[in-house]
Structure formats: structure tokens, C-alpha cells
Amino acid sequence: MKWRNWLNAIIGVWFIIAPWVLGVSDVAGAVWTSVIFGAIQVIASVWAAYVEEPSWRTWQNWVSFLTGVWFILQPFVLPLSGNAGETWTSVILGIVTAVLNLWTMWEGANGHSTGGKANA
């Protein structure tokens, strides 16, 4: 299950660099939203990777889950660039982030922990 936290951290790094990669770095709101929430996702996901027994009470996974939800909603609640690539990237990776965190918490709460092995 640890691999899911690391994948969420990598997605967070993507959100940090996405404004420049997707060509929306001239939109200050898009840059700040992406960088701040991406950094929060990286920190929470890396921290969650070190939690021995994740469950529904693991706040780090909840924080990462909420950043995923934010990235799903952000293009519609706070349309900053009008860039279709940014919208779809945000929504798809937000869904991946949310699902991975729910999966990790569900698996940990139901005693399916693998101790961080890659085959989780």
C-alpha cells in the first residue's frame, strides 16, 4: 500500500510543475493553486507512506484525498486558464489521487495491510 502514497506524491509533484508544462504559467491563480495544493499533496502523501497501519483515521491520507477532490473540482469552481489539457489533467489525476487514498484507508482498516510491499 505504500506504493500508492508514493504515486500520490509523484502526482503532487506533477501538479507543482504542471502550469509550466501545460503552458498556463502566465495565469497567476493557476500557478499558485497548483503549486500550493500540489505541495500539500506531496507532503501529506510522503508522510502517509511512513504510517505503519493506515486506516480511516489516518489524517495524512485524508489530506491527500482532499487535495485530490480539490483538483477534480478546481477547473469548474475556479476556472483559471480555460486550457482543456489542464482541465482534463486536473480531473483525471484528482480522481486517481482520491481513489488511491480511499483504497489505502479501506485496505488498512480491513486488515489487508502488506507492510508496504509493492504487491499491495
C-alpha atoms as a PDB file:
ATOM      1  CA  MET A   1       0.000   0.000   0.000  1.00  0.00           C
ATOM      2  CA  LYS A   2       2.989   2.307   0.402  1.00  0.00           C
ATOM      3  CA  TRP A   3       3.374   2.466  -3.367  1.00  0.00           C
ATOM      4  CA  ARG A   4       0.035   4.266  -3.534  1.00  0.00           C
ATOM      5  CA  ASN A   5       1.306   7.001  -1.228  1.00  0.00           C
ATOM      6  CA  TRP A   6       4.451   7.402  -3.324  1.00  0.00           C
ATOM      7  CA  LEU A   7       2.374   7.539  -6.528  1.00  0.00           C
ATOM      8  CA  ASN A   8       0.229  10.260  -4.934  1.00  0.00           C
ATOM      9  CA  ALA A   9       3.419  12.158  -4.050  1.00  0.00           C
ATOM     10  CA  ILE A  10       4.567  11.922  -7.685  1.00  0.00           C
ATOM     11  CA  ILE A  11       1.163  13.211  -8.816  1.00  0.00           C
ATOM     12  CA  GLY A  12       1.617  16.095  -6.363  1.00  0.00           C
ATOM     13  CA  VAL A  13       4.975  16.904  -7.966  1.00  0.00           C
ATOM     14  CA  TRP A  14       3.224  16.902 -11.343  1.00  0.00           C
ATOM     15  CA  PHE A  15       0.700  19.446 -10.040  1.00  0.00           C
ATOM     16  CA  ILE A  16       3.580  21.646  -8.868  1.00  0.00           C
ATOM     17  CA  ILE A  17       5.216  21.723 -12.323  1.00  0.00           C
ATOM     18  CA  ALA A  18       2.042  21.423 -14.444  1.00  0.00           C
ATOM     19  CA  PRO A  19       1.449  25.165 -15.004  1.00  0.00           C
ATOM     20  CA  TRP A  20       4.785  25.443 -16.818  1.00  0.00           C
ATOM     21  CA  VAL A  21       4.448  22.135 -18.671  1.00  0.00           C
ATOM     22  CA  LEU A  22       0.895  22.902 -19.816  1.00  0.00           C
ATOM     23  CA  GLY A  23       1.689  26.496 -20.726  1.00  0.00           C
ATOM     24  CA  VAL A  24      -0.519  28.263 -18.206  1.00  0.00           C
ATOM     25  CA  SER A  25       2.262  29.773 -16.099  1.00  0.00           C
ATOM     26  CA  ASP A  26       1.126  33.259 -17.128  1.00  0.00           C
ATOM     27  CA  VAL A  27      -2.096  32.770 -15.110  1.00  0.00           C
ATOM     28  CA  ALA A  28      -1.059  33.581 -11.542  1.00  0.00           C
ATOM     29  CA  GLY A  29      -4.104  31.929  -9.953  1.00  0.00           C
ATOM     30  CA  ALA A  30      -3.464  28.668 -11.807  1.00  0.00           C
ATOM     31  CA  VAL A  31       0.172  28.669 -10.747  1.00  0.00           C
ATOM     32  CA  TRP A  32      -0.479  29.371  -7.069  1.00  0.00           C
ATOM     33  CA  THR A  33      -3.395  26.952  -6.771  1.00  0.00           C
ATOM     34  CA  SER A  34      -1.471  24.174  -8.444  1.00  0.00           C
ATOM     35  CA  VAL A  35       1.780  24.766  -6.558  1.00  0.00           C
ATOM     36  CA  ILE A  36       0.198  25.133  -3.102  1.00  0.00           C
ATOM     37  CA  PHE A  37      -2.163  22.174  -3.338  1.00  0.00           C
ATOM     38  CA  GLY A  38       0.475  20.087  -5.134  1.00  0.00           C
ATOM     39  CA  ALA A  39       2.950  20.757  -2.312  1.00  0.00           C
ATOM     40  CA  ILE A  40       0.325  19.864   0.305  1.00  0.00           C
ATOM     41  CA  GLN A  41      -0.320  16.619  -1.573  1.00  0.00           C
ATOM     42  CA  VAL A  42       3.394  15.776  -1.735  1.00  0.00           C
ATOM     43  CA  ILE A  43       3.929  16.427   1.981  1.00  0.00           C
ATOM     44  CA  ALA A  44       0.819  14.530   3.109  1.00  0.00           C
ATOM     45  CA  SER A  45       1.499  11.579   0.787  1.00  0.00           C
ATOM     46  CA  VAL A  46       5.141  11.189   1.785  1.00  0.00           C
ATOM     47  CA  TRP A  47       4.170  11.457   5.452  1.00  0.00           C
ATOM     48  CA  ALA A  48       1.399   8.867   4.924  1.00  0.00           C
ATOM     49  CA  ALA A  49       3.934   6.480   3.390  1.00  0.00           C
ATOM     50  CA  TYR A  50       5.563   6.229   6.816  1.00  0.00           C
ATOM     51  CA  VAL A  51       2.354   5.431   8.693  1.00  0.00           C
ATOM     52  CA  GLU A  52       2.592   1.801   9.807  1.00  0.00           C
ATOM     53  CA  GLU A  53      -1.112   0.930   9.824  1.00  0.00           C
ATOM     54  CA  PRO A  54      -3.232   3.307   7.732  1.00  0.00           C
ATOM     55  CA  SER A  55      -6.958   3.382   8.417  1.00  0.00           C
ATOM     56  CA  TRP A  56      -9.892   5.743   8.133  1.00  0.00           C
ATOM     57  CA  ARG A  57      -8.308   7.716  10.991  1.00  0.00           C
ATOM     58  CA  THR A  58      -5.052   8.440   9.128  1.00  0.00           C
ATOM     59  CA  TRP A  59      -5.220  12.197   8.672  1.00  0.00           C
ATOM     60  CA  GLN A  60      -2.377  12.269   6.138  1.00  0.00           C
ATOM     61  CA  ASN A  61      -4.412  10.153   3.724  1.00  0.00           C
ATOM     62  CA  TRP A  62      -7.449  12.353   4.304  1.00  0.00           C
ATOM     63  CA  VAL A  63      -5.441  15.481   3.491  1.00  0.00           C
ATOM     64  CA  SER A  64      -4.116  13.856   0.306  1.00  0.00           C
ATOM     65  CA  PHE A  65      -7.653  12.645  -0.532  1.00  0.00           C
ATOM     66  CA  LEU A  66      -8.996  16.195  -0.130  1.00  0.00           C
ATOM     67  CA  THR A  67      -6.305  17.600  -2.436  1.00  0.00           C
ATOM     68  CA  GLY A  68      -7.458  15.041  -5.000  1.00  0.00           C
ATOM     69  CA  VAL A  69     -11.053  16.199  -4.580  1.00  0.00           C
ATOM     70  CA  TRP A  70      -9.885  19.803  -4.923  1.00  0.00           C
ATOM     71  CA  PHE A  71      -8.091  19.017  -8.201  1.00  0.00           C
ATOM     72  CA  ILE A  72     -11.280  17.355  -9.510  1.00  0.00           C
ATOM     73  CA  LEU A  73     -13.403  20.395  -8.678  1.00  0.00           C
ATOM     74  CA  GLN A  74     -10.918  23.211  -9.283  1.00  0.00           C
ATOM     75  CA  PRO A  75     -11.350  23.567 -13.070  1.00  0.00           C
ATOM     76  CA  PHE A  76     -15.107  24.006 -12.602  1.00  0.00           C
ATOM     77  CA  VAL A  77     -15.176  26.011  -9.367  1.00  0.00           C
ATOM     78  CA  LEU A  78     -12.221  28.245 -10.152  1.00  0.00           C
ATOM     79  CA  PRO A  79     -11.731  28.219 -13.940  1.00  0.00           C
ATOM     80  CA  LEU A  80      -8.384  29.914 -14.300  1.00  0.00           C
ATOM     81  CA  SER A  81      -6.942  29.191 -17.713  1.00  0.00           C
ATOM     82  CA  GLY A  82      -9.597  27.685 -19.969  1.00  0.00           C
ATOM     83  CA  ASN A  83      -6.942  25.188 -21.092  1.00  0.00           C
ATOM     84  CA  ALA A  84      -8.612  21.842 -21.878  1.00  0.00           C
ATOM     85  CA  GLY A  85      -5.387  19.946 -21.179  1.00  0.00           C
ATOM     86  CA  GLU A  86      -5.170  21.485 -17.729  1.00  0.00           C
ATOM     87  CA  THR A  87      -8.815  20.670 -17.027  1.00  0.00           C
ATOM     88  CA  TRP A  88      -8.581  17.006 -18.025  1.00  0.00           C
ATOM     89  CA  THR A  89      -5.217  16.507 -16.351  1.00  0.00           C
ATOM     90  CA  SER A  90      -6.537  18.003 -13.128  1.00  0.00           C
ATOM     91  CA  VAL A  91      -9.739  15.953 -13.143  1.00  0.00           C
ATOM     92  CA  ILE A  92      -8.147  12.617 -14.080  1.00  0.00           C
ATOM     93  CA  LEU A  93      -5.210  12.889 -11.677  1.00  0.00           C
ATOM     94  CA  GLY A  94      -7.537  14.198  -8.963  1.00  0.00           C
ATOM     95  CA  ILE A  95      -9.699  11.087  -9.379  1.00  0.00           C
ATOM     96  CA  VAL A  96      -6.603   8.845  -9.274  1.00  0.00           C
ATOM     97  CA  THR A  97      -5.413  10.593  -6.094  1.00  0.00           C
ATOM     98  CA  ALA A  98      -8.795  10.300  -4.367  1.00  0.00           C
ATOM     99  CA  VAL A  99      -9.253   6.644  -5.327  1.00  0.00           C
ATOM    100  CA  LEU A 100      -5.742   5.640  -4.245  1.00  0.00           C
ATOM    101  CA  ASN A 101      -6.234   7.273  -0.841  1.00  0.00           C
ATOM    102  CA  LEU A 102      -9.639   5.672  -0.290  1.00  0.00           C
ATOM    103  CA  TRP A 103      -8.193   2.307  -1.331  1.00  0.00           C
ATOM    104  CA  THR A 104      -5.289   2.688   1.102  1.00  0.00           C
ATOM    105  CA  MET A 105      -7.543   3.664   4.012  1.00  0.00           C
ATOM    106  CA  TRP A 106     -10.080   0.919   3.245  1.00  0.00           C
ATOM    107  CA  GLU A 107      -7.411  -1.747   2.933  1.00  0.00           C
ATOM    108  CA  GLY A 108      -5.678  -0.654   6.137  1.00  0.00           C
ATOM    109  CA  ALA A 109      -8.933  -0.523   8.075  1.00  0.00           C
ATOM    110  CA  ASN A 110      -9.910  -4.009   6.901  1.00  0.00           C
ATOM    111  CA  GLY A 111      -6.630  -5.604   7.921  1.00  0.00           C
ATOM    112  CA  HIS A 112      -5.261  -6.136   4.424  1.00  0.00           C
ATOM    113  CA  SER A 113      -2.009  -4.365   5.167  1.00  0.00           C
ATOM    114  CA  THR A 114       1.020  -5.759   3.392  1.00  0.00           C
ATOM    115  CA  GLY A 115       3.582  -3.863   5.404  1.00  0.00           C
ATOM    116  CA  GLY A 116       4.475  -1.671   2.441  1.00  0.00           C
ATOM    117  CA  LYS A 117       5.286  -4.391  -0.052  1.00  0.00           C
ATOM    118  CA  ALA A 118       4.940  -3.469  -3.718  1.00  0.00           C
ATOM    119  CA  ASN A 119       2.356  -6.193  -4.364  1.00  0.00           C
ATOM    120  CA  ALA A 120      -0.346  -4.403  -2.400  1.00  0.00           C
END
